[in-house]
Amino acid sequence: GALQLGQALNGVYKTTDARLMEAQHSIGQYDR
């Protein structure tokens, strides 16, 4: 269960990180 929880948290982290990168890219385009 702890391993599954860690994997789920890792997936949430990666998804959040990808969304943050996408938002940063969008902000860069908006600034340009």
PDB file of all heavy atoms in Angstrom:
ATOM      1  N   GLY A   1       0.824  -1.227   0.000  1.00  0.00           N
ATOM      2  CA  GLY A   1       0.000   0.000   0.000  1.00  0.00           C
ATOM      3  C   GLY A   1       0.843   1.256   0.000  1.00  0.00           C
ATOM      4  O   GLY A   1       0.549   2.236  -0.695  1.00  0.00           O
ATOM      5  N   ALA A   2       1.940   1.231   0.807  1.00  0.00           N
ATOM      6  CA  ALA A   2       2.825   2.401   0.849  1.00  0.00           C
ATOM      7  C   ALA A   2       3.486   2.624  -0.508  1.00  0.00           C
ATOM      8  O   ALA A   2       3.653   3.753  -0.969  1.00  0.00           O
ATOM      9  CB  ALA A   2       3.877   2.215   1.945  1.00  0.00           C
ATOM     10  N   LEU A   3       3.856   1.499  -1.156  1.00  0.00           N
ATOM     11  CA  LEU A   3       4.471   1.594  -2.476  1.00  0.00           C
ATOM     12  C   LEU A   3       3.496   2.178  -3.498  1.00  0.00           C
ATOM     13  O   LEU A   3       3.847   3.046  -4.299  1.00  0.00           O
ATOM     14  CB  LEU A   3       4.952   0.214  -2.924  1.00  0.00           C
ATOM     15  CG  LEU A   3       5.718   0.173  -4.239  1.00  0.00           C
ATOM     16  CD1 LEU A   3       6.982   1.016  -4.149  1.00  0.00           C
ATOM     17  CD2 LEU A   3       6.059  -1.264  -4.602  1.00  0.00           C
ATOM     18  N   GLN A   4       2.237   1.711  -3.458  1.00  0.00           N
ATOM     19  CA  GLN A   4       1.214   2.236  -4.374  1.00  0.00           C
ATOM     20  C   GLN A   4       0.963   3.724  -4.105  1.00  0.00           C
ATOM     21  O   GLN A   4       0.809   4.520  -5.030  1.00  0.00           O
ATOM     22  CB  GLN A   4      -0.083   1.438  -4.235  1.00  0.00           C
ATOM     23  CG  GLN A   4      -0.019   0.080  -4.892  1.00  0.00           C
ATOM     24  CD  GLN A   4      -1.337  -0.680  -4.763  1.00  0.00           C
ATOM     25  OE1 GLN A   4      -2.178  -0.337  -3.925  1.00  0.00           O
ATOM     26  NE2 GLN A   4      -1.493  -1.710  -5.580  1.00  0.00           N
ATOM     27  N   LEU A   5       0.922   4.081  -2.802  1.00  0.00           N
ATOM     28  CA  LEU A   5       0.737   5.489  -2.442  1.00  0.00           C
ATOM     29  C   LEU A   5       1.896   6.326  -2.983  1.00  0.00           C
ATOM     30  O   LEU A   5       1.702   7.417  -3.536  1.00  0.00           O
ATOM     31  CB  LEU A   5       0.620   5.640  -0.928  1.00  0.00           C
ATOM     32  CG  LEU A   5       0.475   7.071  -0.420  1.00  0.00           C
ATOM     33  CD1 LEU A   5      -0.832   7.689  -0.930  1.00  0.00           C
ATOM     34  CD2 LEU A   5       0.526   7.113   1.085  1.00  0.00           C
ATOM     35  N   GLY A   6       3.126   5.833  -2.855  1.00  0.00           N
ATOM     36  CA  GLY A   6       4.289   6.543  -3.372  1.00  0.00           C
ATOM     37  C   GLY A   6       4.229   6.703  -4.880  1.00  0.00           C
ATOM     38  O   GLY A   6       4.541   7.764  -5.425  1.00  0.00           O
ATOM     39  N   GLN A   7       3.804   5.608  -5.572  1.00  0.00           N
ATOM     40  CA  GLN A   7       3.695   5.689  -7.024  1.00  0.00           C
ATOM     41  C   GLN A   7       2.611   6.690  -7.439  1.00  0.00           C
ATOM     42  O   GLN A   7       2.778   7.452  -8.391  1.00  0.00           O
ATOM     43  CB  GLN A   7       3.385   4.299  -7.604  1.00  0.00           C
ATOM     44  CG  GLN A   7       4.569   3.357  -7.545  1.00  0.00           C
ATOM     45  CD  GLN A   7       4.207   1.954  -8.001  1.00  0.00           C
ATOM     46  OE1 GLN A   7       3.024   1.626  -8.127  1.00  0.00           O
ATOM     47  NE2 GLN A   7       5.219   1.121  -8.221  1.00  0.00           N
ATOM     48  N   ALA A   8       1.482   6.673  -6.687  1.00  0.00           N
ATOM     49  CA  ALA A   8       0.408   7.622  -6.996  1.00  0.00           C
ATOM     50  C   ALA A   8       0.880   9.054  -6.774  1.00  0.00           C
ATOM     51  O   ALA A   8       0.619   9.947  -7.594  1.00  0.00           O
ATOM     52  CB  ALA A   8      -0.829   7.325  -6.148  1.00  0.00           C
ATOM     53  N   LEU A   9       1.586   9.270  -5.663  1.00  0.00           N
ATOM     54  CA  LEU A   9       2.102  10.625  -5.393  1.00  0.00           C
ATOM     55  C   LEU A   9       3.127  11.043  -6.441  1.00  0.00           C
ATOM     56  O   LEU A   9       3.169  12.198  -6.866  1.00  0.00           O
ATOM     57  CB  LEU A   9       2.723  10.679  -3.996  1.00  0.00           C
ATOM     58  CG  LEU A   9       1.729  10.654  -2.838  1.00  0.00           C
ATOM     59  CD1 LEU A   9       2.473  10.560  -1.520  1.00  0.00           C
ATOM     60  CD2 LEU A   9       0.836  11.879  -2.849  1.00  0.00           C
ATOM     61  N   ASN A  10       3.942  10.077  -6.863  1.00  0.00           N
ATOM     62  CA  ASN A  10       4.919  10.366  -7.915  1.00  0.00           C
ATOM     63  C   ASN A  10       4.198  10.740  -9.209  1.00  0.00           C
ATOM     64  O   ASN A  10       4.602  11.668  -9.920  1.00  0.00           O
ATOM     65  CB  ASN A  10       5.821   9.149  -8.119  1.00  0.00           C
ATOM     66  CG  ASN A  10       7.012   9.498  -9.000  1.00  0.00           C
ATOM     67  OD1 ASN A  10       7.417  10.646  -9.068  1.00  0.00           O
ATOM     68  ND2 ASN A  10       7.563   8.504  -9.668  1.00  0.00           N
ATOM     69  N   GLY A  11       3.115  10.049  -9.559  1.00  0.00           N
ATOM     70  CA  GLY A  11       2.329  10.376 -10.759  1.00  0.00           C
ATOM     71  C   GLY A  11       1.713  11.757 -10.652  1.00  0.00           C
ATOM     72  O   GLY A  11       1.716  12.533 -11.617  1.00  0.00           O
ATOM     73  N   VAL A  12       1.175  12.077  -9.462  1.00  0.00           N
ATOM     74  CA  VAL A  12       0.597  13.415  -9.256  1.00  0.00           C
ATOM     75  C   VAL A  12       1.674  14.477  -9.410  1.00  0.00           C
ATOM     76  O   VAL A  12       1.466  15.514 -10.038  1.00  0.00           O
ATOM     77  CB  VAL A  12      -0.088  13.500  -7.866  1.00  0.00           C
ATOM     78  CG1 VAL A  12      -0.426  14.940  -7.516  1.00  0.00           C
ATOM     79  CG2 VAL A  12      -1.327  12.630  -7.836  1.00  0.00           C
ATOM     80  N   TYR A  13       2.866  14.204  -8.874  1.00  0.00           N
ATOM     81  CA  TYR A  13       3.970  15.162  -8.973  1.00  0.00           C
ATOM     82  C   TYR A  13       4.350  15.398 -10.431  1.00  0.00           C
ATOM     83  O   TYR A  13       4.534  16.522 -10.875  1.00  0.00           O
ATOM     84  CB  TYR A  13       5.165  14.646  -8.170  1.00  0.00           C
ATOM     85  CG  TYR A  13       6.420  15.437  -8.404  1.00  0.00           C
ATOM     86  CD1 TYR A  13       6.599  16.693  -7.821  1.00  0.00           C
ATOM     87  CD2 TYR A  13       7.429  14.957  -9.248  1.00  0.00           C
ATOM     88  CE1 TYR A  13       7.744  17.438  -8.050  1.00  0.00           C
ATOM     89  CE2 TYR A  13       8.570  15.694  -9.488  1.00  0.00           C
ATOM     90  CZ  TYR A  13       8.715  16.930  -8.881  1.00  0.00           C
ATOM     91  OH  TYR A  13       9.847  17.659  -9.113  1.00  0.00           O
ATOM     92  N   LYS A  14       4.487  14.276 -11.205  1.00  0.00           N
ATOM     93  CA  LYS A  14       4.865  14.407 -12.612  1.00  0.00           C
ATOM     94  C   LYS A  14       3.800  15.149 -13.405  1.00  0.00           C
ATOM     95  O   LYS A  14       4.109  15.994 -14.256  1.00  0.00           O
ATOM     96  CB  LYS A  14       5.118  13.025 -13.219  1.00  0.00           C
ATOM     97  CG  LYS A  14       6.414  12.405 -12.749  1.00  0.00           C
ATOM     98  CD  LYS A  14       6.645  11.062 -13.407  1.00  0.00           C
ATOM     99  CE  LYS A  14       7.967  10.462 -12.942  1.00  0.00           C
ATOM    100  NZ  LYS A  14       8.194   9.133 -13.513  1.00  0.00           N
ATOM    101  N   THR A  15       2.507  14.859 -13.142  1.00  0.00           N
ATOM    102  CA  THR A  15       1.420  15.549 -13.842  1.00  0.00           C
ATOM    103  C   THR A  15       1.434  17.044 -13.515  1.00  0.00           C
ATOM    104  O   THR A  15       1.313  17.891 -14.401  1.00  0.00           O
ATOM    105  CB  THR A  15       0.066  14.934 -13.444  1.00  0.00           C
ATOM    106  OG1 THR A  15       0.096  13.540 -13.722  1.00  0.00           O
ATOM    107  CG2 THR A  15      -1.075  15.579 -14.206  1.00  0.00           C
ATOM    108  N   THR A  16       1.608  17.333 -12.218  1.00  0.00           N
ATOM    109  CA  THR A  16       1.645  18.742 -11.797  1.00  0.00           C
ATOM    110  C   THR A  16       2.842  19.455 -12.418  1.00  0.00           C
ATOM    111  O   THR A  16       2.739  20.587 -12.887  1.00  0.00           O
ATOM    112  CB  THR A  16       1.711  18.837 -10.262  1.00  0.00           C
ATOM    113  OG1 THR A  16       0.616  18.119  -9.713  1.00  0.00           O
ATOM    114  CG2 THR A  16       1.655  20.274  -9.791  1.00  0.00           C
ATOM    115  N   ASP A  17       3.988  18.771 -12.448  1.00  0.00           N
ATOM    116  CA  ASP A  17       5.189  19.353 -13.037  1.00  0.00           C
ATOM    117  C   ASP A  17       4.975  19.625 -14.531  1.00  0.00           C
ATOM    118  O   ASP A  17       5.362  20.679 -15.050  1.00  0.00           O
ATOM    119  CB  ASP A  17       6.369  18.408 -12.832  1.00  0.00           C
ATOM    120  CG  ASP A  17       7.685  19.053 -13.228  1.00  0.00           C
ATOM    121  OD1 ASP A  17       7.882  20.242 -12.890  1.00  0.00           O
ATOM    122  OD2 ASP A  17       8.497  18.379 -13.898  1.00  0.00           O
ATOM    123  N   ALA A  18       4.337  18.670 -15.237  1.00  0.00           N
ATOM    124  CA  ALA A  18       4.075  18.856 -16.668  1.00  0.00           C
ATOM    125  C   ALA A  18       3.132  20.036 -16.894  1.00  0.00           C
ATOM    126  O   ALA A  18       3.329  20.836 -17.814  1.00  0.00           O
ATOM    127  CB  ALA A  18       3.472  17.579 -17.254  1.00  0.00           C
ATOM    128  N   ARG A  19       2.115  20.136 -16.033  1.00  0.00           N
ATOM    129  CA  ARG A  19       1.182  21.268 -16.170  1.00  0.00           C
ATOM    130  C   ARG A  19       1.880  22.600 -15.898  1.00  0.00           C
ATOM    131  O   ARG A  19       1.608  23.609 -16.558  1.00  0.00           O
ATOM    132  CB  ARG A  19      -0.004  21.091 -15.223  1.00  0.00           C
ATOM    133  CG  ARG A  19      -0.974  20.028 -15.682  1.00  0.00           C
ATOM    134  CD  ARG A  19      -2.147  19.922 -14.757  1.00  0.00           C
ATOM    135  NE  ARG A  19      -3.051  18.856 -15.170  1.00  0.00           N
ATOM    136  CZ  ARG A  19      -4.032  18.377 -14.436  1.00  0.00           C
ATOM    137  NH1 ARG A  19      -4.241  18.858 -13.235  1.00  0.00           N
ATOM    138  NH2 ARG A  19      -4.802  17.418 -14.894  1.00  0.00           N
ATOM    139  N   LEU A  20       2.766  22.604 -14.915  1.00  0.00           N
ATOM    140  CA  LEU A  20       3.514  23.830 -14.619  1.00  0.00           C
ATOM    141  C   LEU A  20       4.417  24.216 -15.797  1.00  0.00           C
ATOM    142  O   LEU A  20       4.532  25.390 -16.150  1.00  0.00           O
ATOM    143  CB  LEU A  20       4.355  23.660 -13.356  1.00  0.00           C
ATOM    144  CG  LEU A  20       3.595  23.742 -12.031  1.00  0.00           C
ATOM    145  CD1 LEU A  20       4.526  23.392 -10.874  1.00  0.00           C
ATOM    146  CD2 LEU A  20       3.014  25.132 -11.826  1.00  0.00           C
ATOM    147  N   MET A  21       5.060  23.222 -16.402  1.00  0.00           N
ATOM    148  CA  MET A  21       5.906  23.506 -17.563  1.00  0.00           C
ATOM    149  C   MET A  21       5.066  24.053 -18.719  1.00  0.00           C
ATOM    150  O   MET A  21       5.470  24.987 -19.409  1.00  0.00           O
ATOM    151  CB  MET A  21       6.643  22.236 -18.005  1.00  0.00           C
ATOM    152  CG  MET A  21       7.709  21.768 -17.022  1.00  0.00           C
ATOM    153  SD  MET A  21       9.042  22.943 -16.817  1.00  0.00           S
ATOM    154  CE  MET A  21       9.893  22.735 -18.346  1.00  0.00           C
ATOM    155  N   GLU A  22       3.890  23.464 -18.927  1.00  0.00           N
ATOM    156  CA  GLU A  22       2.987  23.927 -19.992  1.00  0.00           C
ATOM    157  C   GLU A  22       2.524  25.349 -19.719  1.00  0.00           C
ATOM    158  O   GLU A  22       2.487  26.195 -20.616  1.00  0.00           O
ATOM    159  CB  GLU A  22       1.791  22.973 -20.077  1.00  0.00           C
ATOM    160  CG  GLU A  22       0.858  23.269 -21.229  1.00  0.00           C
ATOM    161  CD  GLU A  22      -0.305  22.283 -21.292  1.00  0.00           C
ATOM    162  OE1 GLU A  22      -0.135  21.130 -20.874  1.00  0.00           O
ATOM    163  OE2 GLU A  22      -1.378  22.708 -21.757  1.00  0.00           O
ATOM    164  N   ALA A  23       2.191  25.633 -18.461  1.00  0.00           N
ATOM    165  CA  ALA A  23       1.757  26.992 -18.098  1.00  0.00           C
ATOM    166  C   ALA A  23       2.899  27.984 -18.295  1.00  0.00           C
ATOM    167  O   ALA A  23       2.688  29.096 -18.788  1.00  0.00           O
ATOM    168  CB  ALA A  23       1.271  27.018 -16.650  1.00  0.00           C
ATOM    169  N   GLN A  24       4.120  27.557 -17.934  1.00  0.00           N
ATOM    170  CA  GLN A  24       5.278  28.434 -18.110  1.00  0.00           C
ATOM    171  C   GLN A  24       5.509  28.711 -19.593  1.00  0.00           C
ATOM    172  O   GLN A  24       5.810  29.837 -19.987  1.00  0.00           O
ATOM    173  CB  GLN A  24       6.503  27.779 -17.483  1.00  0.00           C
ATOM    174  CG  GLN A  24       7.715  28.679 -17.428  1.00  0.00           C
ATOM    175  CD  GLN A  24       8.886  28.013 -16.715  1.00  0.00           C
ATOM    176  OE1 GLN A  24       8.852  26.828 -16.434  1.00  0.00           O
ATOM    177  NE2 GLN A  24       9.907  28.775 -16.442  1.00  0.00           N
ATOM    178  N   HIS A  25       5.346  27.699 -20.422  1.00  0.00           N
ATOM    179  CA  HIS A  25       5.491  27.862 -21.871  1.00  0.00           C
ATOM    180  C   HIS A  25       4.432  28.830 -22.412  1.00  0.00           C
ATOM    181  O   HIS A  25       4.730  29.718 -23.222  1.00  0.00           O
ATOM    182  CB  HIS A  25       5.381  26.493 -22.553  1.00  0.00           C
ATOM    183  CG  HIS A  25       5.522  26.557 -24.036  1.00  0.00           C
ATOM    184  ND1 HIS A  25       6.708  26.869 -24.664  1.00  0.00           N
ATOM    185  CD2 HIS A  25       4.611  26.353 -25.037  1.00  0.00           C
ATOM    186  CE1 HIS A  25       6.530  26.856 -25.965  1.00  0.00           C
ATOM    187  NE2 HIS A  25       5.272  26.547 -26.224  1.00  0.00           N
ATOM    188  N   SER A  26       3.179  28.658 -21.933  1.00  0.00           N
ATOM    189  CA  SER A  26       2.091  29.550 -22.373  1.00  0.00           C
ATOM    190  C   SER A  26       2.366  30.987 -21.952  1.00  0.00           C
ATOM    191  O   SER A  26       2.139  31.928 -22.711  1.00  0.00           O
ATOM    192  CB  SER A  26       0.759  29.085 -21.794  1.00  0.00           C
ATOM    193  OG  SER A  26       0.421  27.813 -22.289  1.00  0.00           O
ATOM    194  N   ILE A  27       2.872  31.159 -20.758  1.00  0.00           N
ATOM    195  CA  ILE A  27       3.183  32.516 -20.267  1.00  0.00           C
ATOM    196  C   ILE A  27       4.298  33.127 -21.119  1.00  0.00           C
ATOM    197  O   ILE A  27       4.260  34.311 -21.463  1.00  0.00           O
ATOM    198  CB  ILE A  27       3.563  32.476 -18.775  1.00  0.00           C
ATOM    199  CG1 ILE A  27       2.313  32.196 -17.937  1.00  0.00           C
ATOM    200  CG2 ILE A  27       4.229  33.764 -18.336  1.00  0.00           C
ATOM    201  CD1 ILE A  27       2.585  31.956 -16.482  1.00  0.00           C
ATOM    202  N   GLY A  28       5.290  32.308 -21.502  1.00  0.00           N
ATOM    203  CA  GLY A  28       6.365  32.809 -22.371  1.00  0.00           C
ATOM    204  C   GLY A  28       5.830  33.269 -23.713  1.00  0.00           C
ATOM    205  O   GLY A  28       6.216  34.315 -24.221  1.00  0.00           O
ATOM    206  N   GLN A  29       4.918  32.474 -24.292  1.00  0.00           N
ATOM    207  CA  GLN A  29       4.325  32.864 -25.576  1.00  0.00           C
ATOM    208  C   GLN A  29       3.506  34.150 -25.425  1.00  0.00           C
ATOM    209  O   GLN A  29       3.535  35.021 -26.287  1.00  0.00           O
ATOM    210  CB  GLN A  29       3.440  31.740 -26.114  1.00  0.00           C
ATOM    211  CG  GLN A  29       4.222  30.555 -26.631  1.00  0.00           C
ATOM    212  CD  GLN A  29       3.318  29.449 -27.145  1.00  0.00           C
ATOM    213  OE1 GLN A  29       2.157  29.358 -26.763  1.00  0.00           O
ATOM    214  NE2 GLN A  29       3.861  28.614 -28.015  1.00  0.00           N
ATOM    215  N   TYR A  30       2.780  34.246 -24.333  1.00  0.00           N
ATOM    216  CA  TYR A  30       1.969  35.439 -24.079  1.00  0.00           C
ATOM    217  C   TYR A  30       2.874  36.665 -23.946  1.00  0.00           C
ATOM    218  O   TYR A  30       2.578  37.728 -24.491  1.00  0.00           O
ATOM    219  CB  TYR A  30       1.148  35.218 -22.807  1.00  0.00           C
ATOM    220  CG  TYR A  30       0.295  36.385 -22.412  1.00  0.00           C
ATOM    221  CD1 TYR A  30      -0.813  36.744 -23.167  1.00  0.00           C
ATOM    222  CD2 TYR A  30       0.602  37.150 -21.287  1.00  0.00           C
ATOM    223  CE1 TYR A  30      -1.595  37.820 -22.803  1.00  0.00           C
ATOM    224  CE2 TYR A  30      -0.177  38.216 -20.916  1.00  0.00           C
ATOM    225  CZ  TYR A  30      -1.273  38.553 -21.676  1.00  0.00           C
ATOM    226  OH  TYR A  30      -2.047  39.625 -21.311  1.00  0.00           O
ATOM    227  N   ASP A  31       4.003  36.502 -23.231  1.00  0.00           N
ATOM    228  CA  ASP A  31       4.946  37.616 -23.073  1.00  0.00           C
ATOM    229  C   ASP A  31       5.520  38.040 -24.426  1.00  0.00           C
ATOM    230  O   ASP A  31       5.660  39.228 -24.711  1.00  0.00           O
ATOM    231  CB  ASP A  31       6.090  37.223 -22.129  1.00  0.00           C
ATOM    232  CG  ASP A  31       5.661  37.214 -20.671  1.00  0.00           C
ATOM    233  OD1 ASP A  31       4.598  37.802 -20.364  1.00  0.00           O
ATOM    234  OD2 ASP A  31       6.380  36.618 -19.847  1.00  0.00           O
ATOM    235  N   ARG A  32       5.857  37.037 -25.274  1.00  0.00           N
ATOM    236  CA  ARG A  32       6.389  37.376 -26.598  1.00  0.00           C
ATOM    237  C   ARG A  32       5.338  38.110 -27.434  1.00  0.00           C
ATOM    238  O   ARG A  32       5.645  39.081 -28.117  1.00  0.00           O
ATOM    239  CB  ARG A  32       6.851  36.108 -27.317  1.00  0.00           C
ATOM    240  CG  ARG A  32       8.206  35.599 -26.824  1.00  0.00           C
ATOM    241  CD  ARG A  32       8.767  34.523 -27.745  1.00  0.00           C
ATOM    242  NE  ARG A  32       7.961  33.314 -27.761  1.00  0.00           N
ATOM    243  CZ  ARG A  32       8.033  32.327 -26.881  1.00  0.00           C
ATOM    244  NH1 ARG A  32       8.892  32.423 -25.883  1.00  0.00           N
ATOM    245  NH2 ARG A  32       7.262  31.266 -26.975  1.00  0.00           N
TER     246      ARG A  32
END
